[in-house]
Amino acid sequence: MQERNLANFESNLSLNTQRAKDVARRVGRVLAYTHPSAFLLAAQLILLVLYAVFDGLHSQWALISTTGVVVLVLRVWVVRRTPAVDWIAWSLAVPAFVLSLLSVFFVNSTVLIGTGLLEAALYFYAAGSLIAYIMGDYEVTTDELFAAGATFTLLAWGFAYLYLVCQTWAPGSLVLAGSPGQPLTFIELLFLSFTNLTATGFGDIAPGNAWARMLIMLEQFAGVGYVAVVISRLVGLTLQRHAARKQD
């Protein structure tokens, strides 16, 4: 009797587990088609955690960049849902993945510079495409709100790769307090990019030459412009929608 009850319990547990997996899979499909920007934002944040975990380890950083091809495809997929041109995104994503794969096995300044430039171009292209998507109508959707957050991370990543190119091409371009002469790790470059894009300052990182100062000024301009144009527009349209509902 006990064996039969145990068998029934295991059978019900297996059936319920399968049903839960099916439900989760269906929910995932629905979210993937209705809120692709949310998946992009989540992927960016997961990559941020991975970069922090493997901070300072070049091979792991390069491997994360390579396995980030899933994120690259996700970016291209999100771009396809915007007014962007599909072939441009793929022409940036494919060589960026190949160079990222090469950087796992070859620590070479030329490969790093090429990877950084392609990654930056892809991030900026995807960010511009999402901005066009956000600005394309006069109705604020949930996916557009996720897109606003995802676009911010794309801009921060793009400038982080430009900082990587800058310090690889001209060593000493960026100086970390307490470690002069040492190249910054990618998580440190991201830290600089996020703090600069949000206009909260450099923290413990300072520019060491004119090229780094130029990039920092460009990012400050991009950050202020993004908030002034994109975020303010979303806020204005949201307030306008609430006002219209109250009048109705």
Protein backbone atom coordinates (compact mmCIF):
# COMPACT_ATOMS: atom_id res chain seq x y z
CA MET A 1 0.00 0.00 0.00
CA GLN A 2 2.77 2.39 0.97
CA GLU A 3 4.69 1.54 -2.19
CA ARG A 4 1.60 2.29 -4.31
CA ASN A 5 1.07 5.62 -2.55
CA LEU A 6 4.72 6.49 -3.04
CA ALA A 7 4.50 5.61 -6.71
CA ASN A 8 1.38 7.76 -7.10
CA PHE A 9 3.07 10.64 -5.29
CA GLU A 10 6.14 10.43 -7.55
CA SER A 11 3.91 10.25 -10.62
CA ASN A 12 1.90 13.32 -9.54
CA LEU A 13 5.09 15.20 -8.67
CA SER A 14 6.58 14.46 -12.07
CA LEU A 15 3.34 15.50 -13.80
CA ASN A 16 3.12 18.76 -11.83
CA THR A 17 6.78 19.52 -12.50
CA GLN A 18 6.25 19.04 -16.22
CA ARG A 19 3.17 21.26 -16.12
CA ALA A 20 5.13 23.97 -14.30
CA LYS A 21 7.87 23.79 -16.93
CA ASP A 22 5.29 24.06 -19.70
CA VAL A 23 3.69 27.10 -18.05
CA ALA A 24 7.08 28.75 -17.54
CA ARG A 25 7.97 28.06 -21.16
CA ARG A 26 4.71 29.57 -22.39
CA VAL A 27 5.12 32.63 -20.17
CA GLY A 28 8.66 33.02 -21.48
CA ARG A 29 7.43 32.91 -25.07
CA VAL A 30 4.73 35.48 -24.35
CA LEU A 31 7.19 37.84 -22.65
CA ALA A 32 9.73 37.31 -25.41
CA TYR A 33 7.26 38.49 -28.02
CA THR A 34 5.56 41.22 -25.99
CA HIS A 35 8.53 42.65 -24.02
CA PRO A 36 11.79 41.84 -25.87
CA SER A 37 13.46 44.91 -24.39
CA ALA A 38 12.97 43.44 -20.91
CA PHE A 39 14.98 40.38 -21.97
CA LEU A 40 17.69 42.63 -23.37
CA LEU A 41 17.87 44.61 -20.13
CA ALA A 42 18.01 41.43 -18.05
CA ALA A 43 20.79 40.01 -20.23
CA GLN A 44 22.83 43.19 -19.85
CA LEU A 45 22.48 43.10 -16.07
CA ILE A 46 23.47 39.42 -15.95
CA LEU A 47 26.59 40.23 -17.98
CA LEU A 48 27.38 42.99 -15.50
CA VAL A 49 27.31 40.47 -12.65
CA LEU A 50 29.54 38.05 -14.59
CA TYR A 51 32.10 40.78 -15.32
CA ALA A 52 32.19 41.59 -11.60
CA VAL A 53 32.68 37.93 -10.65
CA PHE A 54 35.59 37.45 -13.07
CA ASP A 55 37.09 40.90 -12.56
CA GLY A 56 40.73 41.12 -13.67
CA LEU A 57 40.87 37.73 -15.40
CA HIS A 58 41.40 38.36 -19.12
CA SER A 59 40.57 34.88 -20.37
CA GLN A 60 37.32 34.75 -18.40
CA TRP A 61 36.44 38.29 -19.50
CA ALA A 62 37.08 37.37 -23.13
CA LEU A 63 35.10 34.15 -22.71
CA ILE A 64 32.15 36.07 -21.26
CA SER A 65 32.33 38.44 -24.22
CA THR A 66 32.33 35.46 -26.54
CA THR A 67 29.45 33.66 -24.87
CA GLY A 68 27.73 37.03 -24.97
CA VAL A 69 26.93 36.16 -28.58
CA VAL A 70 23.51 35.27 -27.19
CA VAL A 71 23.18 38.86 -26.06
CA LEU A 72 24.48 40.01 -29.44
CA VAL A 73 21.76 38.01 -31.17
CA LEU A 74 19.24 39.36 -28.68
CA ARG A 75 20.33 42.90 -29.46
CA VAL A 76 19.96 42.23 -33.18
CA TRP A 77 16.58 40.63 -32.57
CA VAL A 78 15.39 43.68 -30.63
CA VAL A 79 16.78 45.93 -33.36
CA ARG A 80 14.76 43.99 -35.93
CA ARG A 81 11.60 45.07 -34.12
CA THR A 82 12.64 48.71 -34.58
CA PRO A 83 13.10 50.91 -37.67
CA ALA A 84 16.73 49.73 -37.94
CA VAL A 85 18.22 47.94 -40.94
CA ASP A 86 18.74 44.25 -40.16
CA TRP A 87 21.88 43.62 -42.24
CA ILE A 88 23.80 46.44 -40.57
CA ALA A 89 23.26 44.90 -37.14
CA TRP A 90 24.35 41.44 -38.30
CA SER A 91 27.39 42.83 -40.14
CA LEU A 92 28.53 44.26 -36.80
CA ALA A 93 27.52 41.30 -34.61
CA VAL A 94 29.24 38.52 -36.58
CA PRO A 95 32.77 40.00 -36.79
CA ALA A 96 32.48 41.22 -33.19
CA PHE A 97 31.83 37.63 -32.09
CA VAL A 98 34.73 36.30 -34.16
CA LEU A 99 37.18 38.83 -32.72
CA SER A 100 35.88 38.19 -29.19
CA LEU A 101 36.56 34.49 -29.74
CA LEU A 102 40.08 35.26 -30.98
CA SER A 103 40.77 37.41 -27.93
CA VAL A 104 40.22 34.34 -25.72
CA PHE A 105 43.31 32.70 -27.21
CA PHE A 106 45.38 35.69 -28.33
CA VAL A 107 46.11 38.61 -25.99
CA ASN A 108 46.91 41.09 -28.73
CA SER A 109 46.40 44.86 -28.76
CA THR A 110 45.25 44.84 -32.39
CA VAL A 111 42.60 42.21 -31.65
CA LEU A 112 41.46 44.11 -28.55
CA ILE A 113 41.17 47.37 -30.47
CA GLY A 114 39.26 45.72 -33.31
CA THR A 115 36.94 43.95 -30.86
CA GLY A 116 36.35 47.12 -28.89
CA LEU A 117 35.53 49.21 -31.95
CA LEU A 118 33.09 46.64 -33.35
CA GLU A 119 31.43 46.06 -29.99
CA ALA A 120 31.09 49.82 -29.44
CA ALA A 121 29.63 50.29 -32.93
CA LEU A 122 27.11 47.48 -32.34
CA TYR A 123 26.07 48.85 -28.95
CA PHE A 124 25.63 52.38 -30.29
CA TYR A 125 23.72 51.13 -33.33
CA ALA A 126 21.38 49.09 -31.14
CA ALA A 127 20.97 52.06 -28.77
CA GLY A 128 20.13 54.37 -31.65
CA SER A 129 17.64 51.86 -33.02
CA LEU A 130 15.91 51.55 -29.66
CA ILE A 131 15.75 55.33 -29.33
CA ALA A 132 14.08 55.45 -32.76
CA TYR A 133 11.67 52.77 -31.55
CA ILE A 134 10.87 54.75 -28.39
CA MET A 135 10.41 58.01 -30.29
CA GLY A 136 8.37 56.40 -33.07
CA ASP A 137 4.90 57.02 -31.65
CA TYR A 138 2.97 59.04 -29.09
CA GLU A 139 1.96 56.18 -26.80
CA VAL A 140 4.14 54.87 -23.98
CA THR A 141 4.07 51.07 -23.75
CA THR A 142 5.57 48.80 -21.11
CA ASP A 143 8.15 47.54 -23.60
CA GLU A 144 9.21 51.11 -24.34
CA LEU A 145 9.88 51.65 -20.64
CA PHE A 146 12.09 48.55 -20.62
CA ALA A 147 13.69 49.83 -23.82
CA ALA A 148 14.59 53.08 -22.08
CA GLY A 149 16.48 51.16 -19.40
CA ALA A 150 18.08 48.83 -21.93
CA THR A 151 19.19 51.76 -24.08
CA PHE A 152 20.94 53.32 -21.12
CA THR A 153 22.95 50.14 -20.53
CA LEU A 154 23.77 49.92 -24.25
CA LEU A 155 25.18 53.45 -24.21
CA ALA A 156 27.22 52.69 -21.08
CA TRP A 157 28.63 49.49 -22.62
CA GLY A 158 29.44 51.25 -25.89
CA PHE A 159 31.50 53.94 -24.16
CA ALA A 160 33.16 51.31 -21.93
CA TYR A 161 34.44 49.59 -25.07
CA LEU A 162 35.68 52.93 -26.41
CA TYR A 163 37.57 53.42 -23.13
CA LEU A 164 39.03 49.94 -23.62
CA VAL A 165 40.20 50.93 -27.10
CA CYS A 166 41.61 54.19 -25.74
CA GLN A 167 43.67 52.62 -22.97
CA THR A 168 44.88 49.82 -25.27
CA TRP A 169 45.93 52.26 -27.99
CA ALA A 170 47.41 54.82 -25.55
CA PRO A 171 48.42 53.20 -22.23
CA GLY A 172 47.92 55.51 -19.28
CA SER A 173 44.85 57.15 -20.80
CA LEU A 174 42.84 56.28 -17.71
CA VAL A 175 44.36 56.33 -14.24
CA LEU A 176 42.99 54.48 -11.22
CA ALA A 177 43.84 56.07 -7.88
CA GLY A 178 46.31 53.89 -6.00
CA SER A 179 47.27 51.91 -9.11
CA PRO A 180 48.95 54.32 -11.54
CA GLY A 181 50.24 52.75 -14.72
CA GLN A 182 47.97 49.71 -14.45
CA PRO A 183 45.33 49.15 -17.16
CA LEU A 184 41.77 49.19 -15.93
CA THR A 185 39.75 46.00 -15.92
CA PHE A 186 36.51 45.93 -17.89
CA ILE A 187 34.33 46.22 -14.77
CA GLU A 188 36.31 49.36 -13.87
CA LEU A 189 35.71 50.72 -17.36
CA LEU A 190 32.00 50.00 -16.95
CA PHE A 191 32.05 51.73 -13.57
CA LEU A 192 33.62 54.81 -15.16
CA SER A 193 31.10 54.71 -17.99
CA PHE A 194 28.02 54.40 -15.77
CA THR A 195 29.14 57.08 -13.32
CA ASN A 196 30.03 59.41 -16.20
CA LEU A 197 26.83 58.75 -18.13
CA THR A 198 24.75 59.52 -15.04
CA ALA A 199 26.86 62.65 -14.35
CA THR A 200 27.79 61.46 -10.86
CA GLY A 201 31.53 62.01 -11.39
CA PHE A 202 34.60 59.90 -12.13
CA GLY A 203 34.97 58.29 -8.71
CA ASP A 204 38.54 57.08 -8.28
CA ILE A 205 39.30 57.04 -12.03
CA ALA A 206 40.68 60.07 -13.89
CA PRO A 207 41.57 60.75 -17.55
CA GLY A 208 45.28 60.76 -18.31
CA ASN A 209 45.38 62.37 -21.76
CA ALA A 210 43.37 64.44 -24.23
CA TRP A 211 41.78 61.42 -25.94
CA ALA A 212 40.32 60.13 -22.68
CA ARG A 213 39.04 63.60 -21.78
CA MET A 214 37.38 63.86 -25.19
CA LEU A 215 35.57 60.52 -24.74
CA ILE A 216 34.45 61.50 -21.25
CA MET A 217 33.04 64.81 -22.51
CA LEU A 218 31.22 63.02 -25.34
CA GLU A 219 29.68 60.57 -22.90
CA GLN A 220 28.60 63.36 -20.56
CA PHE A 221 26.93 65.08 -23.50
CA ALA A 222 25.22 61.81 -24.53
CA GLY A 223 23.99 61.15 -20.99
CA VAL A 224 22.51 64.61 -20.52
CA GLY A 225 20.98 64.51 -24.00
CA TYR A 226 19.42 61.10 -23.38
CA VAL A 227 17.72 62.25 -20.20
CA ALA A 228 16.68 65.59 -21.70
CA VAL A 229 15.20 64.15 -24.90
CA VAL A 230 14.18 60.52 -24.40
CA ILE A 231 13.35 60.24 -20.69
CA SER A 232 11.62 63.62 -20.52
CA ARG A 233 9.51 62.67 -23.55
CA LEU A 234 8.41 59.41 -21.92
CA VAL A 235 7.55 61.25 -18.71
CA GLY A 236 5.64 63.92 -20.62
CA LEU A 237 3.62 61.40 -22.65
CA THR A 238 2.85 59.39 -19.49
CA LEU A 239 1.58 62.49 -17.66
CA GLN A 240 -0.43 63.49 -20.72
CA ARG A 241 -2.05 60.05 -20.84
CA HIS A 242 -2.98 60.19 -17.15
CA ALA A 243 -4.43 63.69 -17.61
CA ALA A 244 -6.53 62.48 -20.55
CA ARG A 245 -7.86 59.56 -18.48
CA LYS A 246 -8.90 61.91 -15.67
CA GLN A 247 -10.79 64.09 -18.12
CA ASP A 248 -12.63 61.06 -19.48
